[in-house]
Amino acid sequence: QVQLVESGGGSVQAGASLRLSCAASGRTGSMDAMAWFRQTPGKERVFVAAITWGGGRTYYADSVKGRFTISRDNAKNTVYLQMNSLKPEDTALYYCAATRRFQIASMTWETDYGYWGQGTQVTVSS
C-alpha cells in the first residue's frame, strides 16, 4: 500500500503562484509514476500532469503547459506541482495519484492510478 498526503493549497488572486506537495509513504518502491489531477464540483477528475519516478519524464495537460511544473524528490518521496500565472479556471480540488505501472497511452485516465490522496483545494479569484 502507498499513502499520499497533499498540502500547499490555498486562495490566491489571478496571476499568483502556488506550490503543491504530495508526500508518499508505505511501499513507495513499487511506484512507477505519480500524477496530479483536479476536480471541480459536479465534474470528473481531470489530468493535470505526471512524472515518472525513475527517469523523471514529465507530461502535461495542454491547459497548464508553460504555467505548471511537476517535479519530484526521490529522497523525500515527494512530488511537487509548481503553479504559476494562476487563472480562475484553475480553481479546483487537486489530487495526487500514484501508479505501479505507468502507461503513456492511458496516463490521463484516473483508473490507471491505484493510489490517491485526499485532495487540496486551490481557489483563484479574479
Foldseek 3Di string as FASTA:
>chain_A
DKAKAKDWADEEAAQAKTKMKIFIDDPLVLWQKKFKWWDDPPDDTWGAKMATPPPGDIDGDPVQPPFWDWGDDNVRNMIMIIGGRDDQVVWTWMKMFTASDDDPVCNGPPVRTDYIYPTDTHGYHD
